[in-house]
N, C-alpha and C. Protein backbone atom coordinates (compact mmCIF):
# COMPACT_ATOMS: atom_id res chain seq x y z
N MET A 1 -84.11 51.87 -48.15
CA MET A 1 -84.27 50.50 -47.73
C MET A 1 -83.72 50.37 -46.31
N PRO A 2 -84.50 49.82 -45.41
CA PRO A 2 -84.01 49.63 -44.04
C PRO A 2 -82.82 48.67 -43.99
N HIS A 3 -81.87 48.94 -43.10
CA HIS A 3 -80.69 48.07 -42.97
C HIS A 3 -81.07 46.64 -42.63
N SER A 4 -82.19 46.46 -41.93
CA SER A 4 -82.59 45.12 -41.51
C SER A 4 -83.44 44.38 -42.55
N ALA A 5 -83.70 45.00 -43.70
CA ALA A 5 -84.56 44.38 -44.72
C ALA A 5 -83.90 43.14 -45.31
N ALA A 6 -84.72 42.11 -45.53
CA ALA A 6 -84.24 40.92 -46.22
C ALA A 6 -84.05 41.28 -47.69
N CYS A 7 -82.82 41.15 -48.18
CA CYS A 7 -82.55 41.62 -49.54
C CYS A 7 -81.45 40.79 -50.18
N ASP A 8 -81.81 40.11 -51.28
CA ASP A 8 -80.82 39.41 -52.10
C ASP A 8 -80.38 40.26 -53.27
N PHE A 9 -81.31 41.09 -53.78
CA PHE A 9 -80.95 41.94 -54.91
C PHE A 9 -81.90 43.13 -55.00
N ILE A 10 -81.47 44.12 -55.78
CA ILE A 10 -82.23 45.35 -55.98
C ILE A 10 -82.28 45.63 -57.47
N LYS A 11 -83.44 46.00 -57.94
CA LYS A 11 -83.59 46.44 -59.33
C LYS A 11 -83.87 47.94 -59.29
N TRP A 12 -83.02 48.71 -59.98
CA TRP A 12 -83.13 50.17 -59.98
C TRP A 12 -83.58 50.66 -61.35
N GLU A 13 -84.33 51.74 -61.35
CA GLU A 13 -84.63 52.47 -62.58
C GLU A 13 -84.52 53.95 -62.24
N ILE A 14 -83.63 54.64 -62.94
CA ILE A 14 -83.41 56.07 -62.68
C ILE A 14 -83.76 56.84 -63.94
N THR A 15 -84.59 57.86 -63.78
CA THR A 15 -84.94 58.75 -64.89
C THR A 15 -84.33 60.11 -64.60
N PHE A 16 -83.51 60.58 -65.53
CA PHE A 16 -82.88 61.90 -65.41
C PHE A 16 -83.61 62.88 -66.33
N GLN A 17 -83.95 64.04 -65.81
CA GLN A 17 -84.61 65.06 -66.61
C GLN A 17 -83.66 66.24 -66.78
N ARG A 18 -83.80 66.92 -67.91
CA ARG A 18 -82.99 68.11 -68.21
C ARG A 18 -83.90 69.24 -68.65
N ASP A 19 -83.43 70.45 -68.47
CA ASP A 19 -84.14 71.63 -68.95
C ASP A 19 -84.22 71.56 -70.48
N ALA A 20 -85.40 71.80 -71.02
CA ALA A 20 -85.61 71.68 -72.47
C ALA A 20 -84.77 72.69 -73.26
N GLN A 21 -84.54 73.86 -72.71
CA GLN A 21 -83.79 74.89 -73.42
C GLN A 21 -82.28 74.73 -73.27
N THR A 22 -81.82 74.59 -72.03
CA THR A 22 -80.38 74.61 -71.75
C THR A 22 -79.74 73.23 -71.65
N GLN A 23 -80.57 72.21 -71.50
CA GLN A 23 -80.11 70.83 -71.27
C GLN A 23 -79.41 70.67 -69.92
N ALA A 24 -79.53 71.66 -69.05
CA ALA A 24 -78.97 71.55 -67.70
C ALA A 24 -79.75 70.50 -66.90
N PRO A 25 -79.09 69.78 -66.01
CA PRO A 25 -79.79 68.80 -65.17
C PRO A 25 -80.87 69.48 -64.33
N THR A 26 -82.00 68.81 -64.18
CA THR A 26 -83.08 69.33 -63.33
C THR A 26 -83.47 68.28 -62.29
N ASP A 27 -84.44 67.44 -62.62
CA ASP A 27 -84.98 66.49 -61.66
C ASP A 27 -84.57 65.06 -61.99
N PHE A 28 -84.66 64.19 -60.97
CA PHE A 28 -84.49 62.76 -61.19
C PHE A 28 -85.58 62.03 -60.43
N GLN A 29 -85.84 60.82 -60.86
CA GLN A 29 -86.71 59.91 -60.11
C GLN A 29 -86.03 58.55 -60.11
N LEU A 30 -85.85 58.01 -58.92
CA LEU A 30 -85.25 56.69 -58.75
C LEU A 30 -86.33 55.76 -58.21
N HIS A 31 -86.60 54.70 -58.94
CA HIS A 31 -87.55 53.69 -58.49
C HIS A 31 -86.75 52.41 -58.26
N ALA A 32 -86.85 51.86 -57.07
CA ALA A 32 -86.11 50.64 -56.74
C ALA A 32 -87.06 49.61 -56.16
N THR A 33 -86.83 48.37 -56.54
CA THR A 33 -87.54 47.24 -55.95
C THR A 33 -86.48 46.32 -55.36
N TYR A 34 -86.69 45.89 -54.12
CA TYR A 34 -85.72 45.03 -53.47
C TYR A 34 -86.43 43.87 -52.77
N GLY A 35 -85.67 42.83 -52.50
CA GLY A 35 -86.23 41.69 -51.80
C GLY A 35 -85.38 40.45 -51.98
N VAL A 36 -86.00 39.31 -51.74
CA VAL A 36 -85.31 38.03 -51.88
C VAL A 36 -85.78 37.35 -53.16
N TYR A 37 -84.93 36.48 -53.67
CA TYR A 37 -85.23 35.76 -54.91
C TYR A 37 -86.42 34.83 -54.74
N GLN A 38 -87.23 34.76 -55.77
CA GLN A 38 -88.22 33.69 -55.87
C GLN A 38 -87.47 32.50 -56.43
N PRO A 39 -87.46 31.36 -55.76
CA PRO A 39 -86.65 30.22 -56.21
C PRO A 39 -86.85 29.88 -57.69
N ASN A 40 -85.73 29.58 -58.33
CA ASN A 40 -85.68 29.15 -59.74
C ASN A 40 -86.15 30.20 -60.73
N THR A 41 -86.08 31.47 -60.35
CA THR A 41 -86.45 32.57 -61.26
C THR A 41 -85.48 33.72 -61.03
N ASN A 42 -85.65 34.79 -61.80
CA ASN A 42 -84.93 36.03 -61.53
C ASN A 42 -85.91 37.09 -61.03
N LEU A 43 -86.98 36.64 -60.37
CA LEU A 43 -88.03 37.51 -59.85
C LEU A 43 -87.92 37.63 -58.34
N PHE A 44 -88.63 38.62 -57.79
CA PHE A 44 -88.69 38.81 -56.35
C PHE A 44 -89.79 37.93 -55.76
N ALA A 45 -89.52 37.30 -54.63
CA ALA A 45 -90.55 36.57 -53.90
C ALA A 45 -91.58 37.59 -53.41
N GLY A 46 -92.85 37.31 -53.65
CA GLY A 46 -93.91 38.21 -53.20
C GLY A 46 -93.91 39.55 -53.91
N GLY A 47 -93.19 39.67 -55.01
CA GLY A 47 -93.16 40.92 -55.76
C GLY A 47 -92.15 41.93 -55.24
N GLY A 48 -91.52 41.66 -54.10
CA GLY A 48 -90.53 42.58 -53.54
C GLY A 48 -91.17 43.79 -52.90
N THR A 49 -90.34 44.72 -52.47
CA THR A 49 -90.78 45.98 -51.87
C THR A 49 -90.26 47.10 -52.74
N SER A 50 -91.13 48.05 -53.07
CA SER A 50 -90.73 49.16 -53.95
C SER A 50 -90.65 50.47 -53.20
N VAL A 51 -89.69 51.29 -53.60
CA VAL A 51 -89.55 52.65 -53.07
C VAL A 51 -89.28 53.58 -54.24
N THR A 52 -89.70 54.83 -54.10
CA THR A 52 -89.42 55.84 -55.11
C THR A 52 -88.83 57.05 -54.41
N ILE A 53 -87.74 57.56 -54.97
CA ILE A 53 -87.06 58.74 -54.43
C ILE A 53 -86.95 59.76 -55.56
N SER A 54 -87.29 61.00 -55.26
CA SER A 54 -87.20 62.08 -56.24
C SER A 54 -86.31 63.18 -55.70
N GLY A 55 -85.81 64.00 -56.62
CA GLY A 55 -84.99 65.13 -56.20
C GLY A 55 -84.35 65.81 -57.38
N LYS A 56 -83.28 66.52 -57.10
CA LYS A 56 -82.51 67.23 -58.12
C LYS A 56 -81.23 66.46 -58.38
N TRP A 57 -80.66 66.67 -59.56
CA TRP A 57 -79.37 66.07 -59.86
C TRP A 57 -78.47 67.12 -60.48
N GLU A 58 -77.18 66.88 -60.37
CA GLU A 58 -76.19 67.81 -60.91
C GLU A 58 -75.02 67.03 -61.47
N ILE A 59 -74.27 67.69 -62.33
CA ILE A 59 -73.07 67.08 -62.90
C ILE A 59 -71.86 67.79 -62.30
N THR A 60 -70.95 67.00 -61.73
CA THR A 60 -69.71 67.54 -61.19
C THR A 60 -68.56 66.76 -61.83
N LYS A 61 -67.36 67.02 -61.36
CA LYS A 61 -66.19 66.31 -61.88
C LYS A 61 -65.38 65.74 -60.74
N GLY A 62 -64.76 64.60 -61.03
CA GLY A 62 -63.76 64.06 -60.13
C GLY A 62 -64.17 62.83 -59.34
N ILE A 63 -63.40 61.76 -59.52
CA ILE A 63 -63.48 60.59 -58.65
C ILE A 63 -62.09 60.34 -58.11
N LYS A 64 -61.98 59.38 -57.22
CA LYS A 64 -60.71 59.12 -56.55
C LYS A 64 -59.55 58.89 -57.51
N THR A 65 -59.81 58.22 -58.63
CA THR A 65 -58.74 57.87 -59.56
C THR A 65 -58.68 58.74 -60.81
N ASN A 66 -59.63 59.66 -60.97
CA ASN A 66 -59.68 60.49 -62.19
C ASN A 66 -60.34 61.83 -61.89
N PRO A 67 -59.56 62.90 -61.75
CA PRO A 67 -60.13 64.20 -61.41
C PRO A 67 -61.01 64.80 -62.50
N ASN A 68 -60.94 64.26 -63.72
CA ASN A 68 -61.74 64.80 -64.83
C ASN A 68 -63.00 63.99 -65.13
N ALA A 69 -63.22 62.90 -64.43
CA ALA A 69 -64.39 62.06 -64.69
C ALA A 69 -65.68 62.82 -64.39
N LEU A 70 -66.69 62.62 -65.23
CA LEU A 70 -68.00 63.24 -65.00
C LEU A 70 -68.76 62.43 -63.96
N VAL A 71 -69.32 63.14 -62.98
CA VAL A 71 -70.05 62.51 -61.89
C VAL A 71 -71.46 63.07 -61.85
N TYR A 72 -72.44 62.18 -61.79
CA TYR A 72 -73.84 62.57 -61.60
C TYR A 72 -74.14 62.42 -60.12
N ARG A 73 -74.53 63.53 -59.48
CA ARG A 73 -74.87 63.52 -58.05
C ARG A 73 -76.38 63.68 -57.91
N LEU A 74 -77.00 62.75 -57.20
CA LEU A 74 -78.44 62.77 -56.97
C LEU A 74 -78.71 63.25 -55.55
N LEU A 75 -79.46 64.33 -55.43
CA LEU A 75 -79.78 64.93 -54.14
C LEU A 75 -81.27 64.74 -53.88
N ALA A 76 -81.60 63.84 -52.98
CA ALA A 76 -83.00 63.49 -52.72
C ALA A 76 -83.73 64.63 -52.02
N ASP A 77 -85.00 64.80 -52.37
CA ASP A 77 -85.83 65.85 -51.75
C ASP A 77 -86.04 65.62 -50.26
N GLU A 78 -86.23 64.38 -49.85
CA GLU A 78 -86.64 64.09 -48.48
C GLU A 78 -85.56 63.44 -47.64
N SER A 79 -84.32 63.69 -47.97
CA SER A 79 -83.22 63.06 -47.24
C SER A 79 -81.96 63.89 -47.46
N ASP A 80 -81.02 63.75 -46.54
CA ASP A 80 -79.73 64.42 -46.74
C ASP A 80 -78.75 63.49 -47.44
N LYS A 81 -79.22 62.33 -47.86
CA LYS A 81 -78.37 61.37 -48.56
C LYS A 81 -78.11 61.82 -50.00
N ILE A 82 -76.90 61.57 -50.46
CA ILE A 82 -76.51 61.87 -51.83
C ILE A 82 -75.97 60.60 -52.46
N LEU A 83 -76.46 60.27 -53.64
CA LEU A 83 -75.91 59.15 -54.41
C LEU A 83 -75.08 59.73 -55.54
N SER A 84 -73.92 59.16 -55.77
CA SER A 84 -73.06 59.63 -56.85
C SER A 84 -72.72 58.48 -57.78
N PHE A 85 -72.72 58.79 -59.08
CA PHE A 85 -72.40 57.83 -60.13
C PHE A 85 -71.36 58.45 -61.05
N VAL A 86 -70.37 57.68 -61.46
CA VAL A 86 -69.43 58.15 -62.47
C VAL A 86 -69.97 57.74 -63.83
N LYS A 87 -69.88 58.64 -64.80
CA LYS A 87 -70.32 58.33 -66.16
C LYS A 87 -69.17 57.61 -66.85
N MET A 88 -69.37 56.32 -67.14
CA MET A 88 -68.33 55.51 -67.78
C MET A 88 -68.30 55.76 -69.29
N ASP A 89 -69.49 55.86 -69.89
CA ASP A 89 -69.65 56.22 -71.31
C ASP A 89 -71.10 56.66 -71.49
N GLU A 90 -71.56 56.80 -72.71
CA GLU A 90 -72.92 57.29 -72.97
C GLU A 90 -74.00 56.34 -72.46
N ASN A 91 -73.65 55.10 -72.21
CA ASN A 91 -74.65 54.10 -71.82
C ASN A 91 -74.44 53.50 -70.44
N LEU A 92 -73.35 53.83 -69.75
CA LEU A 92 -73.03 53.19 -68.47
C LEU A 92 -72.73 54.20 -67.38
N LEU A 93 -73.31 53.95 -66.20
CA LEU A 93 -72.97 54.68 -64.98
C LEU A 93 -72.52 53.65 -63.95
N HIS A 94 -71.63 54.07 -63.04
CA HIS A 94 -71.20 53.17 -61.98
C HIS A 94 -71.33 53.89 -60.65
N LEU A 95 -71.94 53.21 -59.67
CA LEU A 95 -72.17 53.77 -58.34
C LEU A 95 -70.85 53.98 -57.60
N LEU A 96 -70.77 55.09 -56.87
CA LEU A 96 -69.56 55.44 -56.13
C LEU A 96 -69.79 55.34 -54.62
N TYR A 97 -68.73 54.98 -53.90
CA TYR A 97 -68.72 55.11 -52.45
C TYR A 97 -68.65 56.59 -52.09
N GLY A 98 -68.84 56.91 -50.82
CA GLY A 98 -68.77 58.29 -50.35
C GLY A 98 -67.42 58.94 -50.59
N ASP A 99 -66.34 58.14 -50.65
CA ASP A 99 -65.01 58.70 -50.89
C ASP A 99 -64.70 58.85 -52.39
N LYS A 100 -65.72 58.68 -53.23
CA LYS A 100 -65.62 58.83 -54.69
C LYS A 100 -64.82 57.71 -55.36
N SER A 101 -64.71 56.56 -54.70
CA SER A 101 -64.11 55.40 -55.36
C SER A 101 -65.23 54.52 -55.91
N LEU A 102 -64.89 53.69 -56.90
CA LEU A 102 -65.88 52.81 -57.51
C LEU A 102 -66.39 51.79 -56.50
N MET A 103 -67.71 51.62 -56.41
CA MET A 103 -68.27 50.62 -55.54
C MET A 103 -67.91 49.24 -56.10
N ILE A 104 -67.46 48.35 -55.22
CA ILE A 104 -67.00 47.03 -55.61
C ILE A 104 -68.17 46.06 -55.59
N GLY A 105 -68.33 45.32 -56.68
CA GLY A 105 -69.38 44.32 -56.78
C GLY A 105 -68.90 42.95 -56.36
N THR A 106 -69.76 41.99 -56.53
CA THR A 106 -69.45 40.58 -56.26
C THR A 106 -69.94 39.77 -57.46
N PRO A 107 -69.70 38.46 -57.49
CA PRO A 107 -70.22 37.68 -58.61
C PRO A 107 -71.75 37.79 -58.78
N SER A 108 -72.46 38.11 -57.69
CA SER A 108 -73.92 38.20 -57.80
C SER A 108 -74.46 39.63 -57.70
N HIS A 109 -73.61 40.61 -57.44
CA HIS A 109 -74.06 41.99 -57.31
C HIS A 109 -73.18 42.91 -58.14
N SER A 110 -73.80 43.69 -59.00
CA SER A 110 -73.07 44.64 -59.83
C SER A 110 -73.57 46.05 -59.54
N TYR A 111 -72.69 47.01 -59.59
CA TYR A 111 -73.06 48.41 -59.35
C TYR A 111 -72.90 49.25 -60.61
N THR A 112 -72.86 48.59 -61.76
CA THR A 112 -72.81 49.28 -63.05
C THR A 112 -74.23 49.29 -63.62
N PHE A 113 -74.66 50.47 -64.04
CA PHE A 113 -76.02 50.66 -64.54
C PHE A 113 -75.96 50.93 -66.03
N ASN A 114 -76.84 50.29 -66.78
CA ASN A 114 -76.85 50.52 -68.23
C ASN A 114 -78.12 51.25 -68.65
N LYS A 115 -77.97 52.07 -69.69
CA LYS A 115 -79.10 52.80 -70.26
C LYS A 115 -80.01 51.83 -71.00
N THR A 116 -81.31 52.03 -70.84
CA THR A 116 -82.27 51.21 -71.57
C THR A 116 -83.19 52.11 -72.38
N ALA A 117 -83.73 51.58 -73.44
CA ALA A 117 -84.66 52.33 -74.28
C ALA A 117 -86.00 52.43 -73.56
N ARG A 118 -86.66 53.53 -73.76
CA ARG A 118 -88.00 53.70 -73.15
C ARG A 118 -89.05 53.38 -74.15
């Protein structure tokens, strides 16, 4: 998403794939839609703008406050950017800053992601 983009909120969907035999992490796909609110709804005005990022993911350990925490690192195919999430439990991930601290939300923005059924 460009820094200059008009954005009130972002909806993310991340799919993690694992090797069928070993269950080791393999590929991920992140689909995000961003934009401004359509008044009086929880929808994007004009449908928003969508982007898709694919790449590999890995599991590492350690965040700023817990050296044993499981961390999912997403390495995009077409960028040197890395996104990291701490695994809070089987259903929750939380986005991390580059220094491995928890990203701070606001009353209108949350950086905790929940698992959904497919």
